[in-house]
Amino acid sequence: MGALFLIAFVVYMTGNALAGSGEADQMRTGAGALLMLANSAAVAGIGVLMFPVLRRHHELSAHAYLVSRVVEAVMLAVGVVFLLLLVPLARDAAALPLASVARQGNLYAYQIAMLSLGLGSLLFCRVLFQARLVPRFMAIWGTVGYAVFAVGAILEILGYGVGVALSVPGGLFEVALGVLLVAKGFPTEPERASTADVGLASELS
């Protein structure tokens, strides 16, 4: 799961850079689109792999997170279709209005995907916090980051260009979570019980 968080981040950023830098270049746009589709597969995989982990602690949150990740993956794939349409449209001067529609379609598909991710991940971070699956400061960081993420997506859909800036806290959280999962994984039941005992003793003292 940690590897998928990191892979999704890298392949989408790389794919978006390639596709966005060469709308009239079919090879660059095609390569970028394939990387972005790989991201869709990765984010859906995160939801699938995380489902049994979350289900042990809160079934509704597990289903909500899985659905949010699947919606994210589908909408990002829809955005890729709009990007691919830009290649033939960019070659026809008469089709410039349609190219503008394709760019807007890609933008809205992306923001709907990010809104789904932000809302579903609030429940995800709630489980991380309550079950002590990660250090509590990280769960709080993720909650704040995803809430800001969702607000940024809503504002982008309404026409305010602030989504990139507001995505930074949530994006950095996903990278940090990916690194943590690769390095340590989730704690075992005895480890979580030990952490809870330490926290209780600290509160009593």
N, C-alpha and C. Protein backbone atom coordinates (compact mmCIF):
# COMPACT_ATOMS: atom_id res chain seq x y z
N MET A 1 0.83 -1.21 0.00
CA MET A 1 0.00 0.00 0.00
C MET A 1 0.86 1.26 0.00
N GLY A 2 1.94 1.22 0.78
CA GLY A 2 2.83 2.37 0.81
C GLY A 2 3.44 2.63 -0.55
N ALA A 3 3.85 1.57 -1.22
CA ALA A 3 4.42 1.72 -2.56
C ALA A 3 3.41 2.32 -3.53
N LEU A 4 2.15 1.93 -3.42
CA LEU A 4 1.13 2.47 -4.32
C LEU A 4 0.90 3.96 -4.08
N PHE A 5 0.93 4.40 -2.81
CA PHE A 5 0.82 5.83 -2.54
C PHE A 5 1.93 6.60 -3.26
N LEU A 6 3.15 6.09 -3.16
CA LEU A 6 4.30 6.78 -3.76
C LEU A 6 4.27 6.68 -5.29
N ILE A 7 3.92 5.51 -5.81
CA ILE A 7 3.85 5.33 -7.26
C ILE A 7 2.79 6.25 -7.86
N ALA A 8 1.62 6.31 -7.21
CA ALA A 8 0.54 7.16 -7.72
C ALA A 8 0.98 8.61 -7.80
N PHE A 9 1.68 9.07 -6.79
CA PHE A 9 2.15 10.46 -6.76
C PHE A 9 3.12 10.73 -7.91
N VAL A 10 4.09 9.83 -8.09
CA VAL A 10 5.13 10.04 -9.10
C VAL A 10 4.57 9.94 -10.51
N VAL A 11 3.79 8.90 -10.79
CA VAL A 11 3.34 8.69 -12.17
C VAL A 11 2.34 9.75 -12.60
N TYR A 12 1.50 10.24 -11.68
CA TYR A 12 0.55 11.27 -12.09
C TYR A 12 1.28 12.59 -12.36
N MET A 13 2.20 12.97 -11.48
CA MET A 13 2.93 14.21 -11.69
C MET A 13 3.72 14.15 -13.01
N THR A 14 4.38 13.03 -13.26
CA THR A 14 5.16 12.88 -14.49
C THR A 14 4.25 12.86 -15.71
N GLY A 15 3.17 12.09 -15.61
CA GLY A 15 2.25 12.00 -16.74
C GLY A 15 1.59 13.33 -17.06
N ASN A 16 1.20 14.06 -16.04
CA ASN A 16 0.57 15.36 -16.25
C ASN A 16 1.55 16.34 -16.89
N ALA A 17 2.82 16.29 -16.46
CA ALA A 17 3.83 17.17 -17.05
C ALA A 17 4.05 16.85 -18.52
N LEU A 18 4.09 15.56 -18.86
CA LEU A 18 4.28 15.17 -20.25
C LEU A 18 3.08 15.56 -21.11
N ALA A 19 1.89 15.22 -20.64
CA ALA A 19 0.68 15.48 -21.43
C ALA A 19 0.42 16.97 -21.56
N GLY A 20 0.69 17.72 -20.51
CA GLY A 20 0.41 19.15 -20.55
C GLY A 20 1.39 19.95 -21.36
N SER A 21 2.58 19.37 -21.63
CA SER A 21 3.61 20.13 -22.34
C SER A 21 3.60 19.90 -23.85
N GLY A 22 2.73 19.00 -24.29
CA GLY A 22 2.77 18.71 -25.73
C GLY A 22 1.43 18.29 -26.28
N GLU A 23 0.46 19.20 -26.25
CA GLU A 23 -0.89 18.85 -26.70
C GLU A 23 -0.91 18.42 -28.17
N ALA A 24 -0.03 19.01 -28.99
CA ALA A 24 -0.01 18.66 -30.41
C ALA A 24 0.95 17.51 -30.69
N ASP A 25 1.68 17.06 -29.70
CA ASP A 25 2.65 15.98 -29.85
C ASP A 25 2.01 14.70 -29.35
N GLN A 26 1.61 13.84 -30.29
CA GLN A 26 0.86 12.64 -29.93
C GLN A 26 1.68 11.70 -29.05
N MET A 27 3.00 11.59 -29.31
CA MET A 27 3.82 10.67 -28.53
C MET A 27 3.93 11.12 -27.08
N ARG A 28 4.21 12.41 -26.85
CA ARG A 28 4.34 12.92 -25.48
C ARG A 28 3.01 12.84 -24.74
N THR A 29 1.95 13.27 -25.43
CA THR A 29 0.63 13.23 -24.79
C THR A 29 0.21 11.79 -24.50
N GLY A 30 0.48 10.89 -25.45
CA GLY A 30 0.13 9.49 -25.24
C GLY A 30 0.90 8.87 -24.09
N ALA A 31 2.20 9.19 -23.99
CA ALA A 31 3.00 8.66 -22.89
C ALA A 31 2.50 9.21 -21.55
N GLY A 32 2.19 10.50 -21.53
CA GLY A 32 1.65 11.10 -20.31
C GLY A 32 0.32 10.48 -19.93
N ALA A 33 -0.53 10.23 -20.92
CA ALA A 33 -1.84 9.64 -20.65
C ALA A 33 -1.71 8.24 -20.07
N LEU A 34 -0.75 7.45 -20.59
CA LEU A 34 -0.55 6.10 -20.06
C LEU A 34 -0.10 6.13 -18.60
N LEU A 35 0.78 7.08 -18.28
CA LEU A 35 1.22 7.21 -16.90
C LEU A 35 0.06 7.63 -15.99
N MET A 36 -0.79 8.51 -16.49
CA MET A 36 -1.93 8.95 -15.69
C MET A 36 -2.95 7.83 -15.51
N LEU A 37 -3.08 6.95 -16.51
CA LEU A 37 -3.94 5.78 -16.35
C LEU A 37 -3.34 4.81 -15.33
N ALA A 38 -2.00 4.72 -15.31
CA ALA A 38 -1.35 3.89 -14.29
C ALA A 38 -1.66 4.44 -12.90
N ASN A 39 -1.75 5.75 -12.79
CA ASN A 39 -2.13 6.36 -11.52
C ASN A 39 -3.54 5.94 -11.12
N SER A 40 -4.46 5.92 -12.09
CA SER A 40 -5.83 5.49 -11.80
C SER A 40 -5.85 4.07 -11.25
N ALA A 41 -5.04 3.19 -11.86
CA ALA A 41 -4.96 1.81 -11.37
C ALA A 41 -4.38 1.78 -9.96
N ALA A 42 -3.39 2.64 -9.70
CA ALA A 42 -2.76 2.66 -8.38
C ALA A 42 -3.72 3.13 -7.30
N VAL A 43 -4.48 4.20 -7.57
CA VAL A 43 -5.37 4.71 -6.53
C VAL A 43 -6.53 3.75 -6.27
N ALA A 44 -7.01 3.07 -7.33
CA ALA A 44 -8.03 2.04 -7.10
C ALA A 44 -7.44 0.90 -6.28
N GLY A 45 -6.18 0.54 -6.56
CA GLY A 45 -5.51 -0.50 -5.79
C GLY A 45 -5.36 -0.14 -4.33
N ILE A 46 -5.10 1.13 -4.05
CA ILE A 46 -5.00 1.58 -2.65
C ILE A 46 -6.32 1.31 -1.93
N GLY A 47 -7.43 1.67 -2.57
CA GLY A 47 -8.73 1.45 -1.95
C GLY A 47 -9.01 -0.02 -1.70
N VAL A 48 -8.65 -0.87 -2.67
CA VAL A 48 -8.90 -2.32 -2.54
C VAL A 48 -8.05 -2.91 -1.43
N LEU A 49 -6.75 -2.58 -1.40
CA LEU A 49 -5.85 -3.15 -0.40
C LEU A 49 -6.13 -2.61 1.00
N MET A 50 -6.59 -1.36 1.07
CA MET A 50 -6.85 -0.77 2.38
C MET A 50 -8.18 -1.25 2.97
N PHE A 51 -9.06 -1.77 2.11
CA PHE A 51 -10.40 -2.16 2.56
C PHE A 51 -10.38 -3.14 3.73
N PRO A 52 -9.67 -4.28 3.65
CA PRO A 52 -9.70 -5.22 4.78
C PRO A 52 -9.08 -4.65 6.05
N VAL A 53 -8.09 -3.75 5.91
CA VAL A 53 -7.48 -3.12 7.08
C VAL A 53 -8.49 -2.24 7.80
N LEU A 54 -9.17 -1.39 7.02
CA LEU A 54 -10.15 -0.47 7.62
C LEU A 54 -11.38 -1.22 8.12
N ARG A 55 -11.76 -2.29 7.42
CA ARG A 55 -12.98 -3.01 7.78
C ARG A 55 -12.91 -3.62 9.18
N ARG A 56 -11.69 -3.99 9.61
CA ARG A 56 -11.53 -4.55 10.94
C ARG A 56 -11.86 -3.53 12.03
N HIS A 57 -11.82 -2.26 11.68
CA HIS A 57 -12.03 -1.22 12.69
C HIS A 57 -13.34 -0.44 12.49
N HIS A 58 -13.76 -0.25 11.22
CA HIS A 58 -15.01 0.48 10.98
C HIS A 58 -15.47 0.17 9.56
N GLU A 59 -16.51 -0.66 9.44
CA GLU A 59 -16.93 -1.17 8.14
C GLU A 59 -17.43 -0.06 7.22
N LEU A 60 -18.23 0.87 7.73
CA LEU A 60 -18.76 1.95 6.90
C LEU A 60 -17.62 2.79 6.30
N SER A 61 -16.63 3.10 7.12
CA SER A 61 -15.49 3.88 6.63
C SER A 61 -14.72 3.11 5.56
N ALA A 62 -14.61 1.80 5.74
CA ALA A 62 -13.91 0.98 4.75
C ALA A 62 -14.61 1.04 3.40
N HIS A 63 -15.93 0.89 3.41
CA HIS A 63 -16.69 0.95 2.15
C HIS A 63 -16.63 2.35 1.55
N ALA A 64 -16.76 3.38 2.37
CA ALA A 64 -16.74 4.76 1.87
C ALA A 64 -15.38 5.08 1.24
N TYR A 65 -14.31 4.64 1.87
CA TYR A 65 -12.99 4.92 1.33
C TYR A 65 -12.77 4.19 0.02
N LEU A 66 -13.22 2.93 -0.06
CA LEU A 66 -13.09 2.17 -1.30
C LEU A 66 -13.85 2.86 -2.43
N VAL A 67 -15.09 3.27 -2.15
CA VAL A 67 -15.90 3.95 -3.18
C VAL A 67 -15.24 5.25 -3.61
N SER A 68 -14.72 6.01 -2.64
CA SER A 68 -14.10 7.30 -2.99
C SER A 68 -12.87 7.09 -3.87
N ARG A 69 -12.10 6.05 -3.61
CA ARG A 69 -10.93 5.78 -4.43
C ARG A 69 -11.31 5.30 -5.83
N VAL A 70 -12.36 4.51 -5.93
CA VAL A 70 -12.82 4.04 -7.24
C VAL A 70 -13.35 5.22 -8.05
N VAL A 71 -14.14 6.09 -7.41
CA VAL A 71 -14.64 7.28 -8.11
C VAL A 71 -13.48 8.15 -8.56
N GLU A 72 -12.48 8.32 -7.69
CA GLU A 72 -11.29 9.09 -8.06
C GLU A 72 -10.62 8.49 -9.30
N ALA A 73 -10.44 7.17 -9.28
CA ALA A 73 -9.77 6.50 -10.40
C ALA A 73 -10.55 6.68 -11.70
N VAL A 74 -11.87 6.52 -11.63
CA VAL A 74 -12.71 6.63 -12.83
C VAL A 74 -12.69 8.06 -13.38
N MET A 75 -12.83 9.05 -12.50
CA MET A 75 -12.86 10.44 -12.97
C MET A 75 -11.51 10.87 -13.53
N LEU A 76 -10.42 10.40 -12.93
CA LEU A 76 -9.10 10.71 -13.49
C LEU A 76 -8.93 10.08 -14.87
N ALA A 77 -9.48 8.87 -15.05
CA ALA A 77 -9.42 8.23 -16.36
C ALA A 77 -10.26 9.00 -17.38
N VAL A 78 -11.41 9.52 -16.95
CA VAL A 78 -12.23 10.36 -17.83
C VAL A 78 -11.43 11.61 -18.24
N GLY A 79 -10.71 12.19 -17.28
CA GLY A 79 -9.87 13.34 -17.59
C GLY A 79 -8.81 13.00 -18.63
N VAL A 80 -8.27 11.79 -18.59
CA VAL A 80 -7.27 11.37 -19.57
C VAL A 80 -7.88 11.32 -20.97
N VAL A 81 -9.13 10.88 -21.07
CA VAL A 81 -9.80 10.85 -22.37
C VAL A 81 -9.89 12.27 -22.95
N PHE A 82 -10.23 13.25 -22.11
CA PHE A 82 -10.28 14.63 -22.58
C PHE A 82 -8.90 15.11 -23.04
N LEU A 83 -7.86 14.70 -22.31
CA LEU A 83 -6.50 15.08 -22.72
C LEU A 83 -6.15 14.49 -24.08
N LEU A 84 -6.49 13.25 -24.31
CA LEU A 84 -6.19 12.61 -25.58
C LEU A 84 -6.94 13.28 -26.74
N LEU A 85 -8.11 13.80 -26.46
CA LEU A 85 -8.88 14.49 -27.50
C LEU A 85 -8.19 15.78 -27.95
N LEU A 86 -7.33 16.32 -27.08
CA LEU A 86 -6.65 17.56 -27.44
C LEU A 86 -5.67 17.37 -28.60
N VAL A 87 -5.17 16.16 -28.81
CA VAL A 87 -4.19 15.92 -29.88
C VAL A 87 -4.80 16.18 -31.25
N PRO A 88 -5.91 15.52 -31.62
CA PRO A 88 -6.49 15.83 -32.94
C PRO A 88 -7.10 17.24 -33.00
N LEU A 89 -7.64 17.72 -31.89
CA LEU A 89 -8.27 19.04 -31.91
C LEU A 89 -7.24 20.15 -32.09
N ALA A 90 -6.03 19.96 -31.56
CA ALA A 90 -5.00 20.99 -31.67
C ALA A 90 -4.51 21.15 -33.10
N ARG A 91 -4.73 20.15 -33.95
CA ARG A 91 -4.27 20.21 -35.34
C ARG A 91 -5.27 20.89 -36.26
N ASP A 92 -6.43 21.20 -35.76
CA ASP A 92 -7.48 21.79 -36.59
C ASP A 92 -7.86 23.15 -35.99
N ALA A 93 -7.52 24.21 -36.71
CA ALA A 93 -7.80 25.56 -36.20
C ALA A 93 -9.29 25.77 -35.97
N ALA A 94 -10.11 25.14 -36.78
CA ALA A 94 -11.56 25.31 -36.63
C ALA A 94 -12.09 24.63 -35.37
N ALA A 95 -11.28 23.74 -34.80
CA ALA A 95 -11.74 22.98 -33.63
C ALA A 95 -11.26 23.58 -32.32
N LEU A 96 -10.70 24.79 -32.34
CA LEU A 96 -10.19 25.40 -31.12
C LEU A 96 -11.24 25.52 -30.02
N PRO A 97 -12.50 25.88 -30.35
CA PRO A 97 -13.52 25.91 -29.27
C PRO A 97 -13.71 24.54 -28.62
N LEU A 98 -13.65 23.47 -29.41
CA LEU A 98 -13.79 22.14 -28.85
C LEU A 98 -12.58 21.77 -27.99
N ALA A 99 -11.40 22.27 -28.38
CA ALA A 99 -10.21 22.03 -27.57
C ALA A 99 -10.36 22.69 -26.21
N SER A 100 -10.95 23.87 -26.18
CA SER A 100 -11.19 24.54 -24.91
C SER A 100 -12.16 23.75 -24.04
N VAL A 101 -13.17 23.17 -24.67
CA VAL A 101 -14.12 22.33 -23.93
C VAL A 101 -13.42 21.11 -23.36
N ALA A 102 -12.51 20.52 -24.14
CA ALA A 102 -11.77 19.35 -23.67
C ALA A 102 -10.89 19.69 -22.47
N ARG A 103 -10.26 20.87 -22.51
CA ARG A 103 -9.43 21.28 -21.36
C ARG A 103 -10.29 21.47 -20.12
N GLN A 104 -11.45 22.09 -20.30
CA GLN A 104 -12.35 22.27 -19.15
C GLN A 104 -12.87 20.94 -18.64
N GLY A 105 -13.15 20.03 -19.55
CA GLY A 105 -13.61 18.70 -19.15
C GLY A 105 -12.55 17.99 -18.32
N ASN A 106 -11.28 18.10 -18.73
CA ASN A 106 -10.19 17.52 -17.97
C ASN A 106 -10.09 18.15 -16.59
N LEU A 107 -10.22 19.46 -16.52
CA LEU A 107 -10.15 20.18 -15.25
C LEU A 107 -11.26 19.74 -14.30
N TYR A 108 -12.49 19.70 -14.79
CA TYR A 108 -13.61 19.33 -13.92
C TYR A 108 -13.54 17.86 -13.50
N ALA A 109 -13.11 16.98 -14.41
CA ALA A 109 -12.98 15.57 -14.04
C ALA A 109 -11.94 15.42 -12.93
N TYR A 110 -10.84 16.16 -13.04
CA TYR A 110 -9.79 16.09 -12.02
C TYR A 110 -10.30 16.60 -10.68
N GLN A 111 -11.01 17.72 -10.68
CA GLN A 111 -11.47 18.31 -9.42
C GLN A 111 -12.55 17.45 -8.76
N ILE A 112 -13.41 16.83 -9.55
CA ILE A 112 -14.39 15.89 -8.98
C ILE A 112 -13.67 14.70 -8.35
N ALA A 113 -12.61 14.22 -9.02
CA ALA A 113 -11.81 13.13 -8.46
C ALA A 113 -11.19 13.54 -7.13
N MET A 114 -10.65 14.77 -7.08
CA MET A 114 -10.01 15.25 -5.85
C MET A 114 -11.04 15.48 -4.73
N LEU A 115 -12.24 15.91 -5.10
CA LEU A 115 -13.29 16.08 -4.10
C LEU A 115 -13.67 14.73 -3.50
N SER A 116 -13.80 13.72 -4.36
CA SER A 116 -14.10 12.37 -3.87
C SER A 116 -13.00 11.87 -2.95
N LEU A 117 -11.74 12.08 -3.36
CA LEU A 117 -10.61 11.66 -2.53
C LEU A 117 -10.63 12.36 -1.18
N GLY A 118 -10.83 13.67 -1.19
CA GLY A 118 -10.81 14.44 0.05
C GLY A 118 -11.88 14.00 1.04
N LEU A 119 -13.11 13.83 0.53
CA LEU A 119 -14.22 13.46 1.42
C LEU A 119 -14.05 12.04 1.96
N GLY A 120 -13.72 11.10 1.08
CA GLY A 120 -13.56 9.72 1.53
C GLY A 120 -12.39 9.56 2.49
N SER A 121 -11.35 10.35 2.29
CA SER A 121 -10.16 10.21 3.13
C SER A 121 -10.34 10.80 4.52
N LEU A 122 -11.36 11.64 4.71
CA LEU A 122 -11.65 12.11 6.07
C LEU A 122 -12.04 10.94 6.96
N LEU A 123 -12.84 10.02 6.43
CA LEU A 123 -13.21 8.83 7.19
C LEU A 123 -12.00 7.90 7.36
N PHE A 124 -11.18 7.84 6.33
CA PHE A 124 -9.95 7.05 6.40
C PHE A 124 -9.06 7.52 7.55
N CYS A 125 -8.87 8.84 7.65
CA CYS A 125 -8.01 9.39 8.71
C CYS A 125 -8.66 9.22 10.09
N ARG A 126 -9.98 9.22 10.12
CA ARG A 126 -10.68 8.98 11.39
C ARG A 126 -10.33 7.59 11.93
N VAL A 127 -10.32 6.60 11.04
CA VAL A 127 -9.97 5.24 11.46
C VAL A 127 -8.49 5.18 11.86
N LEU A 128 -7.62 5.83 11.07
CA LEU A 128 -6.20 5.87 11.42
C LEU A 128 -6.00 6.42 12.82
N PHE A 129 -6.77 7.45 13.18
CA PHE A 129 -6.63 8.09 14.48
C PHE A 129 -7.17 7.20 15.60
N GLN A 130 -8.40 6.71 15.43
CA GLN A 130 -9.03 5.95 16.50
C GLN A 130 -8.38 4.61 16.73
N ALA A 131 -7.90 3.95 15.66
CA ALA A 131 -7.29 2.63 15.78
C ALA A 131 -5.79 2.71 16.02
N ARG A 132 -5.25 3.92 16.05
CA ARG A 132 -3.81 4.14 16.25
C ARG A 132 -2.98 3.36 15.22
N LEU A 133 -3.43 3.42 13.97
CA LEU A 133 -2.69 2.75 12.90
C LEU A 133 -1.46 3.53 12.48
N VAL A 134 -1.46 4.82 12.75
CA VAL A 134 -0.30 5.69 12.52
C VAL A 134 -0.18 6.59 13.74
N PRO A 135 0.97 7.26 13.91
CA PRO A 135 1.05 8.24 15.00
C PRO A 135 -0.09 9.26 14.90
N ARG A 136 -0.63 9.64 16.03
CA ARG A 136 -1.84 10.45 16.01
C ARG A 136 -1.64 11.81 15.33
N PHE A 137 -0.43 12.37 15.44
CA PHE A 137 -0.21 13.66 14.79
C PHE A 137 -0.34 13.51 13.27
N MET A 138 0.03 12.31 12.74
CA MET A 138 -0.11 12.09 11.30
C MET A 138 -1.57 11.98 10.89
N ALA A 139 -2.36 11.31 11.72
CA ALA A 139 -3.80 11.20 11.43
C ALA A 139 -4.46 12.58 11.44
N ILE A 140 -4.06 13.42 12.39
CA ILE A 140 -4.60 14.79 12.44
C ILE A 140 -4.15 15.59 11.22
N TRP A 141 -2.88 15.45 10.87
CA TRP A 141 -2.34 16.10 9.67
C TRP A 141 -3.15 15.68 8.44
N GLY A 142 -3.40 14.38 8.31
CA GLY A 142 -4.16 13.91 7.16
C GLY A 142 -5.57 14.45 7.15
N THR A 143 -6.22 14.49 8.31
CA THR A 143 -7.58 15.01 8.39
C THR A 143 -7.64 16.46 7.93
N VAL A 144 -6.73 17.27 8.44
CA VAL A 144 -6.70 18.69 8.05
C VAL A 144 -6.35 18.81 6.57
N GLY A 145 -5.35 18.05 6.14
CA GLY A 145 -4.92 18.13 4.74
C GLY A 145 -6.02 17.75 3.77
N TYR A 146 -6.75 16.68 4.05
CA TYR A 146 -7.81 16.25 3.14
C TYR A 146 -9.02 17.19 3.19
N ALA A 147 -9.30 17.76 4.36
CA ALA A 147 -10.39 18.73 4.45
C ALA A 147 -10.08 19.95 3.59
N VAL A 148 -8.85 20.45 3.68
CA VAL A 148 -8.42 21.58 2.86
C VAL A 148 -8.44 21.19 1.39
N PHE A 149 -8.03 19.96 1.11
CA PHE A 149 -8.04 19.42 -0.25
C PHE A 149 -9.45 19.48 -0.85
N ALA A 150 -10.43 19.01 -0.09
CA ALA A 150 -11.81 19.01 -0.57
C ALA A 150 -12.33 20.42 -0.80
N VAL A 151 -11.99 21.32 0.13
CA VAL A 151 -12.41 22.72 -0.04
C VAL A 151 -11.79 23.31 -1.30
N GLY A 152 -10.50 23.01 -1.53
CA GLY A 152 -9.84 23.49 -2.73
C GLY A 152 -10.50 22.99 -4.00
N ALA A 153 -10.92 21.72 -4.02
CA ALA A 153 -11.59 21.17 -5.19
C ALA A 153 -12.92 21.86 -5.44
N ILE A 154 -13.67 22.10 -4.35
CA ILE A 154 -14.96 22.80 -4.49
C ILE A 154 -14.75 24.20 -5.04
N LEU A 155 -13.75 24.91 -4.52
CA LEU A 155 -13.48 26.27 -4.98
C LEU A 155 -13.04 26.28 -6.45
N GLU A 156 -12.26 25.27 -6.86
CA GLU A 156 -11.86 25.18 -8.27
C GLU A 156 -13.08 24.98 -9.16
N ILE A 157 -14.00 24.11 -8.74
CA ILE A 157 -15.21 23.88 -9.52
C ILE A 157 -16.05 25.16 -9.63
N LEU A 158 -16.01 25.98 -8.58
CA LEU A 158 -16.75 27.24 -8.58
C LEU A 158 -16.01 28.35 -9.31
N GLY A 159 -14.80 28.08 -9.77
CA GLY A 159 -14.07 29.06 -10.57
C GLY A 159 -12.95 29.80 -9.88
N TYR A 160 -12.62 29.40 -8.65
CA TYR A 160 -11.52 30.05 -7.93
C TYR A 160 -10.26 29.18 -8.04
N GLY A 161 -9.20 29.75 -8.62
CA GLY A 161 -7.99 28.99 -8.90
C GLY A 161 -7.06 28.82 -7.72
N VAL A 162 -7.52 28.13 -6.69
CA VAL A 162 -6.70 27.97 -5.48
C VAL A 162 -6.44 26.50 -5.16
N GLY A 163 -6.88 25.61 -6.03
CA GLY A 163 -6.81 24.18 -5.73
C GLY A 163 -5.39 23.66 -5.58
N VAL A 164 -4.46 24.16 -6.40
CA VAL A 164 -3.08 23.66 -6.33
C VAL A 164 -2.46 23.97 -4.98
N ALA A 165 -2.62 25.22 -4.52
CA ALA A 165 -2.04 25.60 -3.23
C ALA A 165 -2.66 24.81 -2.08
N LEU A 166 -3.98 24.60 -2.15
CA LEU A 166 -4.67 23.91 -1.06
C LEU A 166 -4.46 22.39 -1.09
N SER A 167 -3.88 21.89 -2.18
CA SER A 167 -3.62 20.45 -2.25
C SER A 167 -2.29 20.06 -1.61
N VAL A 168 -1.47 21.04 -1.27
CA VAL A 168 -0.12 20.73 -0.76
C VAL A 168 -0.14 19.93 0.54
N PRO A 169 -0.91 20.35 1.58
CA PRO A 169 -0.87 19.58 2.84
C PRO A 169 -1.30 18.13 2.66
N GLY A 170 -2.38 17.90 1.92
CA GLY A 170 -2.85 16.53 1.70
C GLY A 170 -1.88 15.73 0.85
N GLY A 171 -1.29 16.36 -0.16
CA GLY A 171 -0.33 15.66 -1.00
C GLY A 171 0.91 15.23 -0.23
N LEU A 172 1.42 16.12 0.62
CA LEU A 172 2.59 15.79 1.44
C LEU A 172 2.26 14.69 2.45
N PHE A 173 1.02 14.71 2.95
CA PHE A 173 0.61 13.63 3.87
C PHE A 173 0.65 12.28 3.18
N GLU A 174 0.16 12.21 1.94
CA GLU A 174 0.16 10.93 1.23
C GLU A 174 1.58 10.42 1.00
N VAL A 175 2.50 11.34 0.68
CA VAL A 175 3.90 10.93 0.51
C VAL A 175 4.46 10.42 1.83
N ALA A 176 4.21 11.16 2.92
CA ALA A 176 4.71 10.75 4.24
C ALA A 176 4.11 9.42 4.66
N LEU A 177 2.81 9.22 4.40
CA LEU A 177 2.16 7.96 4.75
C LEU A 177 2.75 6.81 3.94
N GLY A 178 2.99 7.07 2.65
CA GLY A 178 3.58 6.04 1.81
C GLY A 178 4.95 5.61 2.32
N VAL A 179 5.77 6.60 2.69
CA VAL A 179 7.11 6.29 3.22
C VAL A 179 6.99 5.51 4.53
N LEU A 180 6.06 5.92 5.40
CA LEU A 180 5.88 5.22 6.68
C LEU A 180 5.45 3.78 6.47
N LEU A 181 4.53 3.54 5.55
CA LEU A 181 4.04 2.18 5.31
C LEU A 181 5.12 1.30 4.68
N VAL A 182 5.93 1.87 3.79
CA VAL A 182 7.02 1.10 3.20
C VAL A 182 8.05 0.74 4.28
N ALA A 183 8.33 1.71 5.17
CA ALA A 183 9.37 1.50 6.17
C ALA A 183 8.92 0.60 7.32
N LYS A 184 7.67 0.78 7.78
CA LYS A 184 7.23 0.09 9.00
C LYS A 184 5.96 -0.72 8.84
N GLY A 185 5.11 -0.35 7.88
CA GLY A 185 3.80 -0.99 7.79
C GLY A 185 2.89 -0.52 8.91
N PHE A 186 1.71 -1.11 9.00
CA PHE A 186 0.80 -0.81 10.10
C PHE A 186 1.23 -1.60 11.33
N PRO A 187 1.00 -1.07 12.53
CA PRO A 187 1.39 -1.79 13.75
C PRO A 187 0.55 -3.04 13.94
N THR A 188 1.13 -4.04 14.61
CA THR A 188 0.38 -5.25 14.96
C THR A 188 -0.51 -4.94 16.16
N GLU A 189 -1.40 -5.86 16.47
CA GLU A 189 -2.31 -5.66 17.62
C GLU A 189 -1.55 -5.44 18.93
N PRO A 190 -0.51 -6.24 19.26
CA PRO A 190 0.24 -5.98 20.50
C PRO A 190 0.89 -4.61 20.53
N GLU A 191 1.41 -4.16 19.37
CA GLU A 191 2.04 -2.84 19.31
C GLU A 191 1.03 -1.74 19.57
N ARG A 192 -0.16 -1.89 18.99
CA ARG A 192 -1.19 -0.87 19.19
C ARG A 192 -1.66 -0.87 20.64
N ALA A 193 -1.79 -2.05 21.24
CA ALA A 193 -2.20 -2.14 22.64
C ALA A 193 -1.16 -1.50 23.55
N SER A 194 0.11 -1.73 23.22
CA SER A 194 1.18 -1.14 24.01
C SER A 194 1.16 0.38 23.92
N THR A 195 0.94 0.90 22.71
CA THR A 195 0.86 2.34 22.51
C THR A 195 -0.31 2.93 23.28
N ALA A 196 -1.44 2.24 23.26
CA ALA A 196 -2.62 2.72 24.00
C ALA A 196 -2.35 2.74 25.49
N ASP A 197 -1.65 1.71 26.01
CA ASP A 197 -1.33 1.66 27.44
C ASP A 197 -0.42 2.80 27.84
N VAL A 198 0.56 3.11 26.98
CA VAL A 198 1.46 4.22 27.26
C VAL A 198 0.71 5.53 27.29
N GLY A 199 -0.21 5.71 26.33
CA GLY A 199 -0.99 6.92 26.29
C GLY A 199 -1.89 7.07 27.51
N LEU A 200 -2.49 5.96 27.95
CA LEU A 200 -3.35 5.99 29.13
C LEU A 200 -2.53 6.32 30.37
N ALA A 201 -1.36 5.69 30.51
CA ALA A 201 -0.51 5.96 31.67
C ALA A 201 -0.08 7.42 31.70
N SER A 202 0.20 7.98 30.52
CA SER A 202 0.60 9.38 30.45
C SER A 202 -0.53 10.30 30.89
N GLU A 203 -1.76 9.96 30.46
CA GLU A 203 -2.91 10.78 30.85
C GLU A 203 -3.17 10.70 32.36
N LEU A 204 -3.02 9.50 32.94
CA LEU A 204 -3.26 9.33 34.38
C LEU A 204 -2.22 10.05 35.23
N SER A 205 -0.97 10.09 34.69
CA SER A 205 0.08 10.74 35.46
C SER A 205 -0.05 12.25 35.36
